[in-house]
Amino acid sequence: MTIRAATDADIPGILAIWNPVIRDTAITFNPVEKSEADLAAMLAEKAAAGHGFLVAEDAGEILGFVTYGQFRGGVGYARTMEHTIILAPGAHGRGLGRALMAAIEDHARAGGAHSLFAGVSSGNPSGVAFHAAIGFREVVVLREVGWKFGQWYHLHVMQKFL
């Protein structure tokens, strides 16, 4: 298994993981699937900003990805980042999430980031547990801020200092 920077060639593999999560789960509150053009633009924006977008690949198959960007706009937030990590269904429980997070934390730290945030849906309790296990601490729960599938979800905001 290799962790490396994502390229445009990875777009179909990333979308094959990301769009089912968008479409079928409450892990993300966004109901709009990403297109190849959306993801190509995102990869270019991340590269221009110096923010990482990494994939885990094994024998040509994308098993997961992680990326980050500035938490909020403006110079005052330039060292505070928020990340997204998603694994393919068969890739869970093999240490891949930890390896991706270690790589993105290193990337963010090298770029001058001071802390990394995770916004984890209450519809994803394993995501909350995963982040806690790798050193993130819950700083607030924003109650009933996400609406999907006809119901409200909380957002667990978790932070790790780099």
N, C-alpha and C. Protein backbone atom coordinates (compact mmCIF):
# COMPACT_ATOMS: atom_id res chain seq x y z
N MET A 1 0.85 -1.17 0.00
CA MET A 1 0.00 0.00 0.00
C MET A 1 0.89 1.24 0.00
N THR A 2 0.50 2.20 -0.81
CA THR A 2 1.26 3.45 -0.96
C THR A 2 0.35 4.64 -0.65
N ILE A 3 0.89 5.60 0.09
CA ILE A 3 0.20 6.87 0.31
C ILE A 3 0.96 7.91 -0.49
N ARG A 4 0.23 8.64 -1.34
CA ARG A 4 0.86 9.61 -2.24
C ARG A 4 -0.11 10.73 -2.56
N ALA A 5 0.40 11.77 -3.18
CA ALA A 5 -0.44 12.89 -3.61
C ALA A 5 -1.41 12.41 -4.70
N ALA A 6 -2.64 12.87 -4.61
CA ALA A 6 -3.65 12.53 -5.61
C ALA A 6 -3.33 13.24 -6.92
N THR A 7 -3.67 12.60 -8.02
CA THR A 7 -3.54 13.19 -9.34
C THR A 7 -4.89 13.10 -10.05
N ASP A 8 -4.98 13.78 -11.18
CA ASP A 8 -6.23 13.72 -11.96
C ASP A 8 -6.57 12.29 -12.36
N ALA A 9 -5.57 11.44 -12.53
CA ALA A 9 -5.82 10.04 -12.88
C ALA A 9 -6.57 9.29 -11.78
N ASP A 10 -6.50 9.82 -10.55
CA ASP A 10 -7.17 9.17 -9.41
C ASP A 10 -8.64 9.57 -9.26
N ILE A 11 -9.07 10.55 -10.04
CA ILE A 11 -10.42 11.09 -9.87
C ILE A 11 -11.51 10.02 -9.91
N PRO A 12 -11.53 9.11 -10.88
CA PRO A 12 -12.58 8.08 -10.87
C PRO A 12 -12.58 7.22 -9.60
N GLY A 13 -11.39 6.86 -9.13
CA GLY A 13 -11.29 6.04 -7.92
C GLY A 13 -11.75 6.78 -6.68
N ILE A 14 -11.41 8.07 -6.59
CA ILE A 14 -11.85 8.89 -5.45
C ILE A 14 -13.36 9.04 -5.47
N LEU A 15 -13.92 9.35 -6.66
CA LEU A 15 -15.38 9.52 -6.77
C LEU A 15 -16.12 8.22 -6.45
N ALA A 16 -15.53 7.09 -6.79
CA ALA A 16 -16.17 5.80 -6.50
C ALA A 16 -16.30 5.57 -4.99
N ILE A 17 -15.42 6.20 -4.21
CA ILE A 17 -15.50 6.11 -2.75
C ILE A 17 -16.38 7.22 -2.18
N TRP A 18 -16.18 8.45 -2.66
CA TRP A 18 -16.82 9.62 -2.08
C TRP A 18 -18.31 9.72 -2.40
N ASN A 19 -18.70 9.51 -3.65
CA ASN A 19 -20.10 9.72 -4.01
C ASN A 19 -21.09 8.79 -3.31
N PRO A 20 -20.78 7.52 -3.10
CA PRO A 20 -21.71 6.70 -2.31
C PRO A 20 -21.87 7.19 -0.86
N VAL A 21 -20.79 7.74 -0.28
CA VAL A 21 -20.89 8.30 1.07
C VAL A 21 -21.81 9.51 1.05
N ILE A 22 -21.66 10.36 0.03
CA ILE A 22 -22.53 11.53 -0.10
C ILE A 22 -23.98 11.10 -0.31
N ARG A 23 -24.18 10.16 -1.20
CA ARG A 23 -25.53 9.74 -1.61
C ARG A 23 -26.25 8.91 -0.54
N ASP A 24 -25.53 8.01 0.12
CA ASP A 24 -26.19 6.96 0.89
C ASP A 24 -26.02 7.05 2.40
N THR A 25 -25.23 8.00 2.91
CA THR A 25 -24.98 8.04 4.35
C THR A 25 -25.18 9.44 4.91
N ALA A 26 -25.21 9.51 6.23
CA ALA A 26 -25.25 10.80 6.94
C ALA A 26 -23.86 11.16 7.47
N ILE A 27 -22.83 10.55 6.91
CA ILE A 27 -21.46 10.91 7.28
C ILE A 27 -21.18 12.35 6.86
N THR A 28 -21.73 12.74 5.73
CA THR A 28 -21.66 14.12 5.28
C THR A 28 -23.09 14.63 5.12
N PHE A 29 -23.30 15.90 5.40
CA PHE A 29 -24.63 16.48 5.27
C PHE A 29 -24.90 16.94 3.84
N ASN A 30 -23.86 17.04 3.03
CA ASN A 30 -24.00 17.47 1.65
C ASN A 30 -24.69 16.37 0.83
N PRO A 31 -25.81 16.67 0.17
CA PRO A 31 -26.48 15.65 -0.63
C PRO A 31 -26.09 15.65 -2.11
N VAL A 32 -25.20 16.55 -2.51
CA VAL A 32 -24.87 16.71 -3.93
C VAL A 32 -23.58 15.97 -4.26
N GLU A 33 -23.70 14.97 -5.13
CA GLU A 33 -22.52 14.21 -5.52
C GLU A 33 -21.54 15.08 -6.29
N LYS A 34 -20.28 14.70 -6.24
CA LYS A 34 -19.22 15.44 -6.90
C LYS A 34 -19.03 14.90 -8.33
N SER A 35 -18.76 15.81 -9.25
CA SER A 35 -18.47 15.42 -10.62
C SER A 35 -16.96 15.35 -10.82
N GLU A 36 -16.54 14.82 -11.95
CA GLU A 36 -15.11 14.79 -12.26
C GLU A 36 -14.56 16.21 -12.32
N ALA A 37 -15.33 17.13 -12.90
CA ALA A 37 -14.89 18.53 -13.00
C ALA A 37 -14.76 19.16 -11.62
N ASP A 38 -15.72 18.87 -10.72
CA ASP A 38 -15.65 19.40 -9.35
C ASP A 38 -14.35 18.94 -8.67
N LEU A 39 -14.07 17.66 -8.80
CA LEU A 39 -12.90 17.10 -8.11
C LEU A 39 -11.60 17.58 -8.75
N ALA A 40 -11.57 17.72 -10.07
CA ALA A 40 -10.37 18.26 -10.73
C ALA A 40 -10.09 19.67 -10.24
N ALA A 41 -11.16 20.48 -10.12
CA ALA A 41 -10.99 21.85 -9.61
C ALA A 41 -10.50 21.84 -8.17
N MET A 42 -11.04 20.93 -7.36
CA MET A 42 -10.62 20.84 -5.96
C MET A 42 -9.15 20.46 -5.86
N LEU A 43 -8.72 19.48 -6.65
CA LEU A 43 -7.30 19.08 -6.62
C LEU A 43 -6.40 20.26 -7.00
N ALA A 44 -6.80 21.02 -8.00
CA ALA A 44 -6.01 22.18 -8.43
C ALA A 44 -5.98 23.25 -7.34
N GLU A 45 -7.12 23.49 -6.69
CA GLU A 45 -7.20 24.50 -5.62
C GLU A 45 -6.34 24.09 -4.43
N LYS A 46 -6.40 22.83 -4.04
CA LYS A 46 -5.59 22.34 -2.91
C LYS A 46 -4.10 22.50 -3.23
N ALA A 47 -3.72 22.13 -4.45
CA ALA A 47 -2.31 22.25 -4.83
C ALA A 47 -1.86 23.71 -4.81
N ALA A 48 -2.68 24.61 -5.35
CA ALA A 48 -2.31 26.03 -5.39
C ALA A 48 -2.18 26.61 -3.99
N ALA A 49 -3.00 26.13 -3.05
CA ALA A 49 -2.96 26.63 -1.67
C ALA A 49 -1.88 25.95 -0.83
N GLY A 50 -1.26 24.91 -1.36
CA GLY A 50 -0.25 24.16 -0.60
C GLY A 50 -0.87 23.20 0.39
N HIS A 51 -2.14 22.87 0.21
CA HIS A 51 -2.84 21.93 1.09
C HIS A 51 -2.84 20.55 0.45
N GLY A 52 -2.70 19.55 1.27
CA GLY A 52 -2.57 18.19 0.76
C GLY A 52 -3.89 17.56 0.35
N PHE A 53 -3.80 16.68 -0.63
CA PHE A 53 -4.88 15.77 -1.01
C PHE A 53 -4.17 14.47 -1.32
N LEU A 54 -4.23 13.53 -0.39
CA LEU A 54 -3.49 12.28 -0.49
C LEU A 54 -4.43 11.10 -0.71
N VAL A 55 -3.94 10.11 -1.42
CA VAL A 55 -4.68 8.86 -1.61
C VAL A 55 -3.86 7.70 -1.09
N ALA A 56 -4.56 6.65 -0.69
CA ALA A 56 -3.93 5.38 -0.38
C ALA A 56 -4.27 4.45 -1.53
N GLU A 57 -3.24 3.85 -2.11
CA GLU A 57 -3.41 3.02 -3.29
C GLU A 57 -2.76 1.67 -3.06
N ASP A 58 -3.41 0.64 -3.54
CA ASP A 58 -2.84 -0.70 -3.49
C ASP A 58 -3.14 -1.39 -4.81
N ALA A 59 -2.10 -1.77 -5.51
CA ALA A 59 -2.22 -2.45 -6.80
C ALA A 59 -3.13 -1.69 -7.76
N GLY A 60 -2.98 -0.37 -7.78
CA GLY A 60 -3.75 0.46 -8.70
C GLY A 60 -5.14 0.83 -8.24
N GLU A 61 -5.55 0.34 -7.08
CA GLU A 61 -6.89 0.63 -6.56
C GLU A 61 -6.80 1.68 -5.46
N ILE A 62 -7.65 2.71 -5.54
CA ILE A 62 -7.72 3.73 -4.51
C ILE A 62 -8.55 3.18 -3.36
N LEU A 63 -7.92 3.12 -2.17
CA LEU A 63 -8.58 2.56 -0.98
C LEU A 63 -9.11 3.63 -0.04
N GLY A 64 -8.64 4.86 -0.22
CA GLY A 64 -9.09 5.94 0.65
C GLY A 64 -8.37 7.21 0.28
N PHE A 65 -8.85 8.31 0.88
CA PHE A 65 -8.21 9.59 0.66
C PHE A 65 -8.36 10.47 1.88
N VAL A 66 -7.51 11.47 1.95
CA VAL A 66 -7.57 12.48 3.02
C VAL A 66 -7.13 13.80 2.42
N THR A 67 -7.77 14.87 2.85
CA THR A 67 -7.41 16.20 2.38
C THR A 67 -7.69 17.21 3.48
N TYR A 68 -7.16 18.39 3.32
CA TYR A 68 -7.45 19.45 4.28
C TYR A 68 -7.43 20.80 3.59
N GLY A 69 -8.01 21.75 4.28
CA GLY A 69 -8.00 23.13 3.83
C GLY A 69 -8.19 24.03 5.03
N GLN A 70 -8.06 25.32 4.78
CA GLN A 70 -8.18 26.29 5.86
C GLN A 70 -9.56 26.21 6.50
N PHE A 71 -9.59 26.22 7.84
CA PHE A 71 -10.83 26.06 8.61
C PHE A 71 -11.85 27.14 8.29
N ARG A 72 -11.45 28.38 8.26
CA ARG A 72 -12.29 29.51 7.90
C ARG A 72 -11.46 30.47 7.08
N GLY A 73 -12.12 31.35 6.35
CA GLY A 73 -11.41 32.31 5.51
C GLY A 73 -10.70 33.38 6.33
N GLY A 74 -9.75 34.03 5.70
CA GLY A 74 -9.04 35.14 6.33
C GLY A 74 -7.69 34.73 6.88
N VAL A 75 -6.80 35.71 6.95
CA VAL A 75 -5.43 35.45 7.38
C VAL A 75 -5.32 34.97 8.82
N GLY A 76 -6.22 35.41 9.66
CA GLY A 76 -6.17 35.02 11.07
C GLY A 76 -6.36 33.53 11.29
N TYR A 77 -6.94 32.84 10.30
CA TYR A 77 -7.16 31.39 10.40
C TYR A 77 -6.18 30.58 9.56
N ALA A 78 -5.15 31.22 9.04
CA ALA A 78 -4.25 30.58 8.08
C ALA A 78 -3.50 29.36 8.63
N ARG A 79 -3.45 29.19 9.94
CA ARG A 79 -2.73 28.04 10.52
C ARG A 79 -3.68 27.05 11.19
N THR A 80 -4.95 27.20 10.89
CA THR A 80 -5.96 26.29 11.43
C THR A 80 -6.66 25.60 10.26
N MET A 81 -6.59 24.28 10.23
CA MET A 81 -7.08 23.51 9.09
C MET A 81 -8.22 22.57 9.51
N GLU A 82 -9.00 22.18 8.51
CA GLU A 82 -10.05 21.17 8.70
C GLU A 82 -9.82 20.09 7.65
N HIS A 83 -10.03 18.83 8.03
CA HIS A 83 -9.74 17.75 7.10
C HIS A 83 -10.99 16.92 6.79
N THR A 84 -10.85 16.14 5.74
CA THR A 84 -11.82 15.12 5.34
C THR A 84 -11.04 13.84 5.10
N ILE A 85 -11.54 12.74 5.65
CA ILE A 85 -10.94 11.43 5.38
C ILE A 85 -12.07 10.45 5.09
N ILE A 86 -11.93 9.69 4.03
CA ILE A 86 -12.93 8.68 3.67
C ILE A 86 -12.19 7.45 3.14
N LEU A 87 -12.59 6.30 3.63
CA LEU A 87 -12.02 5.03 3.18
C LEU A 87 -13.06 4.24 2.39
N ALA A 88 -12.59 3.42 1.47
CA ALA A 88 -13.47 2.49 0.77
C ALA A 88 -14.03 1.50 1.79
N PRO A 89 -15.24 1.00 1.56
CA PRO A 89 -15.86 0.09 2.55
C PRO A 89 -14.97 -1.08 2.97
N GLY A 90 -14.26 -1.69 2.07
CA GLY A 90 -13.43 -2.84 2.42
C GLY A 90 -12.09 -2.49 3.04
N ALA A 91 -11.81 -1.19 3.19
CA ALA A 91 -10.49 -0.76 3.67
C ALA A 91 -10.47 -0.46 5.17
N HIS A 92 -11.59 -0.57 5.83
CA HIS A 92 -11.66 -0.26 7.26
C HIS A 92 -11.00 -1.35 8.10
N GLY A 93 -10.45 -0.93 9.25
CA GLY A 93 -9.91 -1.89 10.22
C GLY A 93 -8.54 -2.43 9.88
N ARG A 94 -7.82 -1.79 8.96
CA ARG A 94 -6.50 -2.29 8.57
C ARG A 94 -5.39 -1.30 8.87
N GLY A 95 -5.71 -0.22 9.60
CA GLY A 95 -4.71 0.78 9.91
C GLY A 95 -4.53 1.83 8.83
N LEU A 96 -5.32 1.74 7.78
CA LEU A 96 -5.20 2.67 6.66
C LEU A 96 -5.58 4.09 7.06
N GLY A 97 -6.65 4.23 7.84
CA GLY A 97 -7.07 5.56 8.29
C GLY A 97 -5.99 6.23 9.12
N ARG A 98 -5.39 5.48 10.02
CA ARG A 98 -4.29 6.02 10.84
C ARG A 98 -3.11 6.45 9.98
N ALA A 99 -2.78 5.64 8.99
CA ALA A 99 -1.65 5.96 8.11
C ALA A 99 -1.95 7.22 7.29
N LEU A 100 -3.16 7.33 6.76
CA LEU A 100 -3.53 8.53 6.01
C LEU A 100 -3.49 9.77 6.90
N MET A 101 -4.02 9.64 8.12
CA MET A 101 -4.04 10.79 9.02
C MET A 101 -2.63 11.20 9.42
N ALA A 102 -1.75 10.24 9.69
CA ALA A 102 -0.37 10.58 10.04
C ALA A 102 0.29 11.33 8.88
N ALA A 103 0.03 10.89 7.65
CA ALA A 103 0.63 11.55 6.49
C ALA A 103 0.08 12.96 6.31
N ILE A 104 -1.22 13.15 6.49
CA ILE A 104 -1.79 14.49 6.28
C ILE A 104 -1.41 15.42 7.43
N GLU A 105 -1.30 14.89 8.64
CA GLU A 105 -0.83 15.72 9.76
C GLU A 105 0.60 16.19 9.50
N ASP A 106 1.45 15.30 9.01
CA ASP A 106 2.83 15.69 8.67
C ASP A 106 2.84 16.78 7.60
N HIS A 107 1.99 16.61 6.59
CA HIS A 107 1.92 17.58 5.50
C HIS A 107 1.46 18.94 6.03
N ALA A 108 0.41 18.93 6.84
CA ALA A 108 -0.13 20.18 7.39
C ALA A 108 0.90 20.86 8.31
N ARG A 109 1.54 20.07 9.16
CA ARG A 109 2.55 20.60 10.07
C ARG A 109 3.69 21.24 9.28
N ALA A 110 4.15 20.56 8.24
CA ALA A 110 5.24 21.09 7.41
C ALA A 110 4.84 22.39 6.72
N GLY A 111 3.54 22.56 6.47
CA GLY A 111 3.04 23.78 5.86
C GLY A 111 2.75 24.89 6.85
N GLY A 112 3.03 24.66 8.13
CA GLY A 112 2.83 25.69 9.14
C GLY A 112 1.52 25.63 9.90
N ALA A 113 0.75 24.57 9.71
CA ALA A 113 -0.52 24.45 10.44
C ALA A 113 -0.26 24.21 11.92
N HIS A 114 -1.08 24.82 12.75
CA HIS A 114 -0.98 24.69 14.20
C HIS A 114 -1.97 23.66 14.74
N SER A 115 -3.17 23.62 14.15
CA SER A 115 -4.15 22.64 14.59
C SER A 115 -5.01 22.18 13.43
N LEU A 116 -5.61 21.03 13.64
CA LEU A 116 -6.44 20.38 12.63
C LEU A 116 -7.79 20.08 13.26
N PHE A 117 -8.86 20.44 12.57
CA PHE A 117 -10.21 20.17 13.04
C PHE A 117 -10.83 19.03 12.25
N ALA A 118 -11.75 18.33 12.91
CA ALA A 118 -12.60 17.33 12.27
C ALA A 118 -14.04 17.69 12.62
N GLY A 119 -14.89 17.76 11.63
CA GLY A 119 -16.32 17.92 11.86
C GLY A 119 -16.96 16.58 11.57
N VAL A 120 -17.40 15.86 12.62
CA VAL A 120 -17.86 14.49 12.46
C VAL A 120 -19.36 14.40 12.79
N SER A 121 -20.12 13.88 11.86
CA SER A 121 -21.57 13.75 12.01
C SER A 121 -21.92 12.76 13.11
N SER A 122 -23.01 13.07 13.83
CA SER A 122 -23.51 12.09 14.81
C SER A 122 -24.00 10.83 14.11
N GLY A 123 -24.18 10.90 12.79
CA GLY A 123 -24.51 9.71 12.01
C GLY A 123 -23.30 8.84 11.73
N ASN A 124 -22.16 9.21 12.29
CA ASN A 124 -20.90 8.48 12.08
C ASN A 124 -20.19 8.26 13.42
N PRO A 125 -20.79 7.49 14.32
CA PRO A 125 -20.15 7.29 15.63
C PRO A 125 -18.77 6.63 15.55
N SER A 126 -18.53 5.81 14.55
CA SER A 126 -17.19 5.22 14.42
C SER A 126 -16.17 6.28 14.03
N GLY A 127 -16.60 7.32 13.32
CA GLY A 127 -15.71 8.43 12.99
C GLY A 127 -15.32 9.23 14.22
N VAL A 128 -16.27 9.42 15.14
CA VAL A 128 -15.96 10.10 16.40
C VAL A 128 -14.94 9.27 17.19
N ALA A 129 -15.18 7.97 17.28
CA ALA A 129 -14.28 7.08 18.02
C ALA A 129 -12.89 7.04 17.38
N PHE A 130 -12.84 6.99 16.05
CA PHE A 130 -11.56 6.97 15.35
C PHE A 130 -10.74 8.22 15.67
N HIS A 131 -11.38 9.38 15.55
CA HIS A 131 -10.66 10.62 15.81
C HIS A 131 -10.19 10.71 17.27
N ALA A 132 -11.01 10.27 18.19
CA ALA A 132 -10.61 10.26 19.60
C ALA A 132 -9.39 9.35 19.79
N ALA A 133 -9.38 8.21 19.11
CA ALA A 133 -8.29 7.24 19.26
C ALA A 133 -6.96 7.77 18.72
N ILE A 134 -7.01 8.73 17.79
CA ILE A 134 -5.76 9.25 17.24
C ILE A 134 -5.42 10.64 17.80
N GLY A 135 -6.04 11.00 18.92
CA GLY A 135 -5.62 12.19 19.63
C GLY A 135 -6.45 13.44 19.43
N PHE A 136 -7.56 13.34 18.72
CA PHE A 136 -8.45 14.49 18.60
C PHE A 136 -9.32 14.57 19.85
N ARG A 137 -9.62 15.77 20.28
CA ARG A 137 -10.47 15.99 21.45
C ARG A 137 -11.70 16.76 21.02
N GLU A 138 -12.83 16.32 21.53
CA GLU A 138 -14.08 17.00 21.21
C GLU A 138 -14.10 18.37 21.89
N VAL A 139 -14.32 19.42 21.10
CA VAL A 139 -14.37 20.76 21.67
C VAL A 139 -15.79 21.30 21.77
N VAL A 140 -16.70 20.77 20.96
CA VAL A 140 -18.10 21.20 21.02
C VAL A 140 -18.95 20.23 20.20
N VAL A 141 -20.19 20.11 20.58
CA VAL A 141 -21.17 19.41 19.75
C VAL A 141 -22.19 20.46 19.32
N LEU A 142 -22.28 20.66 18.03
CA LEU A 142 -23.27 21.59 17.48
C LEU A 142 -24.53 20.77 17.22
N ARG A 143 -25.54 21.03 18.00
CA ARG A 143 -26.74 20.21 17.99
C ARG A 143 -27.65 20.56 16.81
N GLU A 144 -28.11 19.51 16.15
CA GLU A 144 -29.10 19.61 15.08
C GLU A 144 -28.74 20.67 14.03
N VAL A 145 -27.52 20.59 13.52
CA VAL A 145 -27.09 21.53 12.49
C VAL A 145 -27.08 20.92 11.09
N GLY A 146 -27.13 19.59 11.02
CA GLY A 146 -27.14 18.91 9.72
C GLY A 146 -28.49 18.26 9.46
N TRP A 147 -29.00 18.45 8.26
CA TRP A 147 -30.30 17.88 7.88
C TRP A 147 -30.09 16.97 6.69
N LYS A 148 -30.46 15.71 6.85
CA LYS A 148 -30.35 14.76 5.74
C LYS A 148 -31.28 13.60 6.02
N PHE A 149 -31.84 13.06 4.98
CA PHE A 149 -32.75 11.91 5.07
C PHE A 149 -33.93 12.19 6.00
N GLY A 150 -34.38 13.45 6.03
CA GLY A 150 -35.56 13.80 6.82
C GLY A 150 -35.33 13.88 8.31
N GLN A 151 -34.09 14.02 8.73
CA GLN A 151 -33.84 14.14 10.17
C GLN A 151 -32.62 15.02 10.44
N TRP A 152 -32.54 15.49 11.68
CA TRP A 152 -31.44 16.33 12.13
C TRP A 152 -30.30 15.49 12.66
N TYR A 153 -29.07 15.98 12.46
CA TYR A 153 -27.87 15.35 12.99
C TYR A 153 -27.04 16.41 13.71
N HIS A 154 -26.31 15.98 14.72
CA HIS A 154 -25.37 16.85 15.43
C HIS A 154 -24.02 16.79 14.69
N LEU A 155 -23.21 17.82 14.94
CA LEU A 155 -21.86 17.84 14.41
C LEU A 155 -20.89 17.87 15.59
N HIS A 156 -20.06 16.84 15.69
CA HIS A 156 -19.02 16.78 16.71
C HIS A 156 -17.78 17.48 16.15
N VAL A 157 -17.40 18.60 16.75
CA VAL A 157 -16.22 19.32 16.31
C VAL A 157 -15.07 18.87 17.21
N MET A 158 -14.05 18.30 16.57
CA MET A 158 -12.92 17.74 17.28
C MET A 158 -11.64 18.41 16.78
N GLN A 159 -10.67 18.55 17.69
CA GLN A 159 -9.45 19.28 17.35
C GLN A 159 -8.22 18.53 17.84
N LYS A 160 -7.16 18.66 17.04
CA LYS A 160 -5.85 18.11 17.43
C LYS A 160 -4.81 19.19 17.16
N PHE A 161 -3.98 19.45 18.16
CA PHE A 161 -2.87 20.39 17.96
C PHE A 161 -1.70 19.63 17.36
N LEU A 162 -1.12 20.23 16.35
CA LEU A 162 -0.02 19.57 15.62
C LEU A 162 1.33 19.94 16.22
